[in-house]
């Protein structure tokens, strides 16, 4: 679907772990032919790099120092923005249990959030975006009119994680994400909240797509 806009559009899809952010963000991006950005992968890339460099992920100053010295670049590959480190994207490495166990600690560092916000806002160079993460609508692109907060019952989210072969303490992860001092996970002002415990991915993405189309139609009507 071709959408003409004077300024790039950002659709922010935020939510708890295993709420379907990634799947639905990709479906929405495909529907509108927008570029997809997985901000969680960027934090995972930093966590992976810290482990690789033997940096203490529980030492905020040490982690922040990594952001000042590592050599990174953004690249759009087949409609997806990726963060390269020394021209390499660790696609498989960032999905390991070791990285999953430490990524929330790395993401809680204020200086890391600052670095990520600046870098993620630079993704706008690639055009219209569907950006998934935990603070897109509240911190990275608070000005966007297209904000969606996904959630599901804890039991359902745990079932989804287990189906992926991942056993993660989601309650502890939710607590760390929502109580961190820097850019905590929260529902952005004006966000549409979708509990998809009983919904398929197609149904969830369908709700988002319909709402975006309605907002775009209202915007077009207001310009006339």
Protein backbone atom coordinates (compact mmCIF):
# COMPACT_ATOMS: atom_id res chain seq x y z
CA UNK A 1 0.00 0.00 0.00
CA UNK A 2 1.53 3.30 -1.09
CA UNK A 3 1.10 6.14 1.38
CA UNK A 4 2.11 9.66 0.45
CA UNK A 5 3.21 11.84 3.34
CA UNK A 6 5.16 15.08 3.58
CA UNK A 7 7.09 13.73 6.56
CA UNK A 8 7.97 10.08 7.29
CA UNK A 9 5.33 8.27 9.33
CA UNK A 10 6.29 6.29 12.43
CA UNK A 11 3.98 3.55 13.69
CA UNK A 12 5.03 2.70 17.25
CA UNK A 13 4.22 -0.81 18.48
CA UNK A 14 5.06 -1.17 22.15
CA UNK A 15 4.30 -3.87 24.69
CA UNK A 16 5.34 -6.43 27.23
CA UNK A 17 7.53 -9.46 26.50
CA UNK A 18 5.80 -12.06 24.30
CA UNK A 19 2.90 -9.72 23.56
CA UNK A 20 3.42 -10.20 19.85
CA UNK A 21 5.28 -6.99 19.08
CA UNK A 22 7.66 -8.48 16.53
CA UNK A 23 5.15 -10.59 14.63
CA UNK A 24 2.59 -7.80 14.42
CA UNK A 25 5.14 -5.10 13.60
CA UNK A 26 6.31 -7.15 10.62
CA UNK A 27 2.73 -7.75 9.45
CA UNK A 28 1.88 -4.05 9.71
CA UNK A 29 5.10 -3.03 7.95
CA UNK A 30 4.33 -5.46 5.13
CA UNK A 31 0.75 -4.19 4.80
CA UNK A 32 1.86 -0.58 4.36
CA UNK A 33 5.21 -1.29 2.70
CA UNK A 34 6.97 0.51 5.56
CA UNK A 35 10.45 -0.21 6.91
CA UNK A 36 10.51 -2.42 10.02
CA UNK A 37 12.72 -1.56 13.01
CA UNK A 38 13.21 -4.00 15.89
CA UNK A 39 14.67 -1.80 18.64
CA UNK A 40 14.91 -4.77 20.98
CA UNK A 41 17.44 -6.30 18.60
CA UNK A 42 19.57 -3.20 19.03
CA UNK A 43 19.67 -3.64 22.80
CA UNK A 44 20.40 -7.32 22.30
CA UNK A 45 23.26 -6.40 20.00
CA UNK A 46 24.75 -4.24 22.75
CA UNK A 47 24.25 -7.01 25.31
CA UNK A 48 25.94 -9.51 22.99
CA UNK A 49 28.84 -7.15 22.40
CA UNK A 50 29.29 -6.59 26.15
CA UNK A 51 29.43 -10.34 26.74
CA UNK A 52 31.82 -10.77 23.83
CA UNK A 53 34.10 -8.07 25.21
CA UNK A 54 33.81 -9.44 28.78
CA UNK A 55 32.20 -6.23 30.02
CA UNK A 56 30.39 -6.49 33.36
CA UNK A 57 26.74 -5.95 32.35
CA UNK A 58 25.90 -5.09 35.97
CA UNK A 59 28.31 -2.14 35.89
CA UNK A 60 26.41 0.83 34.36
CA UNK A 61 29.56 2.88 33.79
CA UNK A 62 31.29 0.04 31.98
CA UNK A 63 28.25 -0.57 29.76
CA UNK A 64 27.86 3.14 29.02
CA UNK A 65 31.52 3.28 28.04
CA UNK A 66 30.89 0.65 25.38
CA UNK A 67 28.37 2.95 23.69
CA UNK A 68 31.03 5.64 23.46
CA UNK A 69 33.62 3.46 21.78
CA UNK A 70 31.98 0.69 19.72
CA UNK A 71 31.85 1.22 15.95
CA UNK A 72 28.29 0.88 14.70
CA UNK A 73 26.21 1.77 11.65
CA UNK A 74 22.60 1.45 10.56
CA UNK A 75 21.65 -0.43 7.41
CA UNK A 76 18.32 -1.24 5.78
CA UNK A 77 18.26 -4.80 4.45
CA UNK A 78 15.15 -6.11 2.67
CA UNK A 79 12.90 -3.68 4.51
CA UNK A 80 14.43 -4.19 7.96
CA UNK A 81 16.81 -1.81 9.73
CA UNK A 82 19.71 -3.52 11.48
CA UNK A 83 22.49 -2.26 13.72
CA UNK A 84 25.90 -3.37 12.52
CA UNK A 85 28.92 -3.63 14.81
CA UNK A 86 32.20 -3.42 12.91
CA UNK A 87 30.09 -4.03 9.77
CA UNK A 88 28.68 -7.27 11.25
CA UNK A 89 25.13 -8.09 12.34
CA UNK A 90 25.00 -10.93 14.93
CA UNK A 91 21.58 -12.20 13.86
CA UNK A 92 21.84 -15.59 15.55
CA UNK A 93 24.03 -14.62 18.48
CA UNK A 94 21.62 -12.00 19.87
CA UNK A 95 18.86 -14.61 20.26
CA UNK A 96 20.73 -16.86 22.67
CA UNK A 97 19.62 -17.54 26.24
CA UNK A 98 22.79 -15.84 27.51
CA UNK A 99 21.88 -12.57 25.81
CA UNK A 100 18.22 -12.83 26.86
CA UNK A 101 19.33 -13.16 30.48
CA UNK A 102 21.27 -9.88 30.53
CA UNK A 103 19.63 -7.59 27.96
CA UNK A 104 17.23 -5.97 30.45
CA UNK A 105 20.16 -5.02 32.70
CA UNK A 106 21.97 -3.37 29.79
CA UNK A 107 18.79 -1.62 28.67
CA UNK A 108 18.26 -0.08 32.11
CA UNK A 109 21.41 2.07 31.88
CA UNK A 110 20.36 5.73 31.30
CA UNK A 111 23.33 6.49 29.04
CA UNK A 112 22.43 3.47 26.94
CA UNK A 113 18.85 4.71 26.57
CA UNK A 114 20.21 8.09 25.45
CA UNK A 115 22.47 6.50 22.85
CA UNK A 116 19.71 4.21 21.60
CA UNK A 117 17.18 7.04 21.34
CA UNK A 118 19.55 9.08 19.18
CA UNK A 119 20.39 6.08 17.00
CA UNK A 120 16.78 4.92 16.66
CA UNK A 121 15.58 8.37 15.66
CA UNK A 122 18.16 8.25 12.87
CA UNK A 123 16.21 5.34 11.37
CA UNK A 124 13.85 7.93 9.89
CA UNK A 125 16.43 8.32 7.10
CA UNK A 126 15.02 5.10 5.62
CA UNK A 127 11.48 6.48 5.25
CA UNK A 128 8.17 5.46 6.82
CA UNK A 129 8.72 3.15 9.80
CA UNK A 130 7.00 0.52 11.90
CA UNK A 131 9.09 0.54 15.05
CA UNK A 132 8.69 -2.01 17.81
CA UNK A 133 10.06 -1.82 21.32
CA UNK A 134 9.27 -0.72 24.86
CA UNK A 135 9.61 3.06 24.80
CA UNK A 136 8.93 4.11 21.20
CA UNK A 137 5.76 6.08 21.89
CA UNK A 138 6.95 7.57 25.18
CA UNK A 139 10.61 8.29 24.52
CA UNK A 140 11.90 7.70 20.99
CA UNK A 141 9.04 9.12 18.88
CA UNK A 142 6.58 10.59 21.39
CA UNK A 143 5.30 12.96 18.69
CA UNK A 144 3.85 10.21 16.49
CA UNK A 145 0.07 9.89 16.21
CA UNK A 146 0.30 6.14 15.61
CA UNK A 147 0.89 4.44 18.96
CA UNK A 148 -0.16 0.91 19.91
CA UNK A 149 0.40 -0.92 23.18
CA UNK A 150 0.14 -4.72 23.04
CA UNK A 151 -0.36 -6.95 26.03
CA UNK A 152 -1.63 -10.42 26.92
CA UNK A 153 -2.32 -12.39 30.07
CA UNK A 154 0.89 -13.59 31.79
CA UNK A 155 -0.11 -17.23 31.31
CA UNK A 156 -0.56 -16.72 27.58
CA UNK A 157 2.72 -14.88 27.23
CA UNK A 158 4.55 -17.63 29.11
CA UNK A 159 2.94 -20.21 26.81
CA UNK A 160 4.16 -18.30 23.76
CA UNK A 161 7.69 -18.10 25.10
CA UNK A 162 7.70 -21.81 25.92
CA UNK A 163 6.50 -22.60 22.39
CA UNK A 164 9.60 -20.78 21.15
CA UNK A 165 11.74 -22.96 23.40
CA UNK A 166 12.49 -20.06 25.73
CA UNK A 167 11.85 -20.21 29.46
CA UNK A 168 12.00 -16.70 30.84
CA UNK A 169 10.73 -15.18 34.07
CA UNK A 170 8.36 -12.72 32.42
CA UNK A 171 7.10 -11.28 35.71
CA UNK A 172 10.64 -10.31 36.70
CA UNK A 173 11.32 -8.94 33.21
CA UNK A 174 8.12 -6.88 33.29
CA UNK A 175 9.06 -5.48 36.68
CA UNK A 176 12.55 -4.47 35.55
CA UNK A 177 11.20 -2.89 32.36
CA UNK A 178 8.42 -0.93 34.05
CA UNK A 179 10.36 0.20 37.13
CA UNK A 180 13.65 1.26 35.57
CA UNK A 181 14.47 4.94 35.98
CA UNK A 182 15.30 5.54 32.32
CA UNK A 183 12.43 5.34 29.81
CA UNK A 184 10.35 2.70 31.62
CA UNK A 185 7.80 0.54 29.83
CA UNK A 186 4.48 2.35 30.04
CA UNK A 187 1.42 3.14 27.96
CA UNK A 188 2.05 6.27 25.92
CA UNK A 189 -0.42 9.14 25.94
CA UNK A 190 -2.93 8.53 23.16
CA UNK A 191 -1.89 4.91 22.56
CA UNK A 192 -4.47 2.31 21.54
CA UNK A 193 -4.25 -0.62 23.97
CA UNK A 194 -4.79 -4.10 22.52
CA UNK A 195 -4.96 -7.21 24.71
CA UNK A 196 -4.41 -10.02 22.25
CA UNK A 197 -4.65 -12.98 24.62
CA UNK A 198 -7.52 -14.39 22.55
CA UNK A 199 -6.50 -12.94 19.19
CA UNK A 200 -4.45 -14.32 16.33
CA UNK A 201 -1.60 -12.30 14.86
CA UNK A 202 -3.71 -11.52 11.79
CA UNK A 203 -6.53 -10.25 14.00
CA UNK A 204 -4.17 -8.13 16.11
CA UNK A 205 -2.36 -6.62 13.14
CA UNK A 206 -5.74 -6.11 11.47
CA UNK A 207 -6.85 -3.88 14.33
CA UNK A 208 -3.69 -1.81 14.04
CA UNK A 209 -3.91 -1.56 10.25
CA UNK A 210 -7.55 -0.47 10.38
CA UNK A 211 -6.78 2.18 13.00
CA UNK A 212 -3.83 3.54 11.01
CA UNK A 213 -5.97 3.76 7.86
CA UNK A 214 -8.67 5.61 9.80
CA UNK A 215 -6.16 8.10 11.21
CA UNK A 216 -4.62 8.66 7.79
CA UNK A 217 -8.06 9.22 6.27
CA UNK A 218 -8.89 11.75 9.00
CA UNK A 219 -5.57 13.49 8.41
CA UNK A 220 -6.20 13.66 4.65
CA UNK A 221 -9.71 15.02 5.20
CA UNK A 222 -8.41 17.72 7.53
CA UNK A 223 -5.93 18.91 4.89
CA UNK A 224 -8.65 19.32 2.22
